[in-house]
């Protein structure tokens, strides 16, 4: 996979590679989502949410 200008590989390129190989599958997941890569504050918010009972554990 090629790298972007920041020297990173794009997730969509991995998805396309799986699609081309006929190995792409998915599951529909419902619930609350956080983009923790937006800022340090959003990562903190996602971490706090994940620690709540019922999210990752009973």
N, C-alpha and C. Protein backbone atom coordinates (compact mmCIF):
# COMPACT_ATOMS: atom_id res chain seq x y z
N UNK A 1 0.84 -1.19 0.00
CA UNK A 1 0.00 0.00 0.00
C UNK A 1 0.88 1.24 0.00
N UNK A 2 0.42 2.25 -0.68
CA UNK A 2 1.18 3.50 -0.75
C UNK A 2 0.95 4.32 0.53
N UNK A 3 1.86 5.23 0.76
CA UNK A 3 1.76 6.11 1.92
C UNK A 3 1.23 7.47 1.50
N UNK A 4 0.56 8.16 2.43
CA UNK A 4 0.09 9.51 2.15
C UNK A 4 1.22 10.52 2.39
N UNK A 5 0.91 11.80 2.30
CA UNK A 5 1.93 12.84 2.47
C UNK A 5 2.55 12.84 3.86
N UNK A 6 1.82 12.33 4.85
CA UNK A 6 2.34 12.28 6.22
C UNK A 6 3.14 11.00 6.47
N UNK A 7 3.30 10.17 5.44
CA UNK A 7 4.04 8.92 5.60
C UNK A 7 3.21 7.80 6.20
N UNK A 8 1.88 7.99 6.21
CA UNK A 8 0.97 6.99 6.77
C UNK A 8 0.28 6.23 5.66
N UNK A 9 -0.24 5.08 5.98
CA UNK A 9 -1.05 4.32 5.04
C UNK A 9 -2.51 4.56 5.37
N UNK A 10 -3.33 4.68 4.35
CA UNK A 10 -4.75 4.97 4.54
C UNK A 10 -5.54 3.68 4.79
N UNK A 11 -6.46 3.73 5.74
CA UNK A 11 -7.29 2.57 6.06
C UNK A 11 -8.12 2.15 4.85
N UNK A 12 -8.57 3.10 4.05
CA UNK A 12 -9.40 2.75 2.90
C UNK A 12 -8.62 1.90 1.89
N UNK A 13 -7.30 2.09 1.82
CA UNK A 13 -6.50 1.26 0.93
C UNK A 13 -6.50 -0.20 1.39
N UNK A 14 -6.50 -0.41 2.71
CA UNK A 14 -6.58 -1.78 3.23
C UNK A 14 -7.95 -2.38 2.91
N UNK A 15 -9.00 -1.58 3.04
CA UNK A 15 -10.35 -2.05 2.71
C UNK A 15 -10.41 -2.45 1.24
N UNK A 16 -9.87 -1.62 0.37
CA UNK A 16 -9.88 -1.92 -1.07
C UNK A 16 -9.10 -3.20 -1.37
N UNK A 17 -7.98 -3.41 -0.67
CA UNK A 17 -7.19 -4.62 -0.89
C UNK A 17 -7.99 -5.86 -0.50
N UNK A 18 -8.69 -5.82 0.63
CA UNK A 18 -9.54 -6.94 1.02
C UNK A 18 -10.66 -7.15 0.02
N UNK A 19 -11.24 -6.06 -0.49
CA UNK A 19 -12.31 -6.16 -1.48
C UNK A 19 -11.81 -6.84 -2.76
N UNK A 20 -10.66 -6.39 -3.25
CA UNK A 20 -10.08 -6.99 -4.46
C UNK A 20 -9.78 -8.46 -4.27
N UNK A 21 -9.37 -8.85 -3.07
CA UNK A 21 -9.04 -10.24 -2.79
C UNK A 21 -10.28 -11.09 -2.51
N UNK A 22 -11.46 -10.46 -2.49
CA UNK A 22 -12.68 -11.20 -2.20
C UNK A 22 -12.79 -11.61 -0.75
N UNK A 23 -12.12 -10.89 0.12
CA UNK A 23 -12.07 -11.25 1.54
C UNK A 23 -12.70 -10.20 2.44
N UNK A 24 -13.49 -9.31 1.86
CA UNK A 24 -14.09 -8.25 2.64
C UNK A 24 -15.43 -8.70 3.20
N UNK A 25 -15.62 -8.53 4.49
CA UNK A 25 -16.90 -8.80 5.13
C UNK A 25 -17.12 -7.73 6.18
N UNK A 26 -18.34 -7.65 6.68
CA UNK A 26 -18.62 -6.63 7.68
C UNK A 26 -19.76 -7.09 8.57
N UNK A 27 -19.83 -6.46 9.72
CA UNK A 27 -20.94 -6.63 10.65
C UNK A 27 -21.49 -5.25 10.94
N UNK A 28 -22.80 -5.14 11.01
CA UNK A 28 -23.42 -3.87 11.36
C UNK A 28 -23.41 -3.74 12.89
N UNK A 29 -22.87 -2.65 13.36
CA UNK A 29 -22.75 -2.41 14.79
C UNK A 29 -23.54 -1.15 15.12
N UNK A 30 -24.36 -1.22 16.15
CA UNK A 30 -25.13 -0.05 16.56
C UNK A 30 -24.58 0.47 17.88
N UNK A 31 -24.97 1.65 18.21
CA UNK A 31 -24.54 2.22 19.48
C UNK A 31 -23.85 3.55 19.28
N UNK A 32 -23.14 3.97 20.28
CA UNK A 32 -22.47 5.27 20.26
C UNK A 32 -21.05 5.10 19.74
N UNK A 33 -20.62 6.04 18.91
CA UNK A 33 -19.28 6.02 18.32
C UNK A 33 -18.56 7.31 18.64
N UNK A 34 -17.27 7.22 18.80
CA UNK A 34 -16.43 8.39 19.02
C UNK A 34 -15.28 8.35 18.04
N UNK A 35 -14.92 9.49 17.50
CA UNK A 35 -13.71 9.61 16.70
C UNK A 35 -12.64 10.14 17.64
N UNK A 36 -11.89 9.24 18.23
CA UNK A 36 -10.92 9.61 19.25
C UNK A 36 -9.66 10.23 18.66
N UNK A 37 -9.56 10.28 17.34
CA UNK A 37 -8.37 10.85 16.71
C UNK A 37 -8.50 12.34 16.44
N UNK A 38 -9.62 12.94 16.82
CA UNK A 38 -9.84 14.35 16.52
C UNK A 38 -9.01 15.26 17.41
N UNK A 39 -8.98 14.95 18.70
CA UNK A 39 -8.25 15.80 19.64
C UNK A 39 -7.99 15.01 20.91
N UNK A 40 -7.07 15.49 21.75
CA UNK A 40 -6.85 14.81 23.03
C UNK A 40 -8.12 14.77 23.88
N UNK A 41 -8.94 15.82 23.78
CA UNK A 41 -10.18 15.86 24.55
C UNK A 41 -11.15 14.77 24.10
N UNK A 42 -11.23 14.53 22.78
CA UNK A 42 -12.15 13.50 22.29
C UNK A 42 -11.67 12.11 22.70
N UNK A 43 -10.36 11.91 22.77
CA UNK A 43 -9.84 10.64 23.25
C UNK A 43 -10.21 10.45 24.71
N UNK A 44 -10.07 11.49 25.52
CA UNK A 44 -10.44 11.41 26.93
C UNK A 44 -11.92 11.10 27.09
N UNK A 45 -12.76 11.76 26.29
CA UNK A 45 -14.20 11.51 26.36
C UNK A 45 -14.54 10.07 26.00
N UNK A 46 -13.89 9.54 24.97
CA UNK A 46 -14.14 8.15 24.56
C UNK A 46 -13.67 7.19 25.65
N UNK A 47 -12.53 7.46 26.26
CA UNK A 47 -12.03 6.61 27.34
C UNK A 47 -12.99 6.61 28.53
N UNK A 48 -13.48 7.77 28.89
CA UNK A 48 -14.42 7.86 30.02
C UNK A 48 -15.71 7.11 29.71
N UNK A 49 -16.20 7.23 28.49
CA UNK A 49 -17.40 6.51 28.10
C UNK A 49 -17.17 4.99 28.16
N UNK A 50 -16.02 4.54 27.69
CA UNK A 50 -15.72 3.11 27.65
C UNK A 50 -15.58 2.51 29.04
N UNK A 51 -15.30 3.33 30.04
CA UNK A 51 -15.16 2.82 31.41
C UNK A 51 -16.51 2.66 32.11
N UNK A 52 -17.57 3.20 31.53
CA UNK A 52 -18.89 3.12 32.17
C UNK A 52 -19.40 1.68 32.17
N UNK A 53 -20.08 1.28 33.25
CA UNK A 53 -20.68 -0.06 33.28
C UNK A 53 -21.65 -0.25 32.10
N UNK A 54 -21.60 -1.43 31.52
CA UNK A 54 -22.48 -1.76 30.42
C UNK A 54 -21.89 -1.51 29.05
N UNK A 55 -20.77 -0.81 28.95
CA UNK A 55 -20.17 -0.56 27.65
C UNK A 55 -19.28 -1.74 27.24
N UNK A 56 -18.20 -1.94 27.98
CA UNK A 56 -17.29 -3.04 27.70
C UNK A 56 -17.42 -4.18 28.69
N UNK A 57 -18.16 -3.94 29.75
CA UNK A 57 -18.27 -4.94 30.82
C UNK A 57 -19.59 -4.72 31.54
N UNK A 58 -20.10 -5.77 32.19
CA UNK A 58 -21.39 -5.63 32.91
C UNK A 58 -21.29 -4.67 34.09
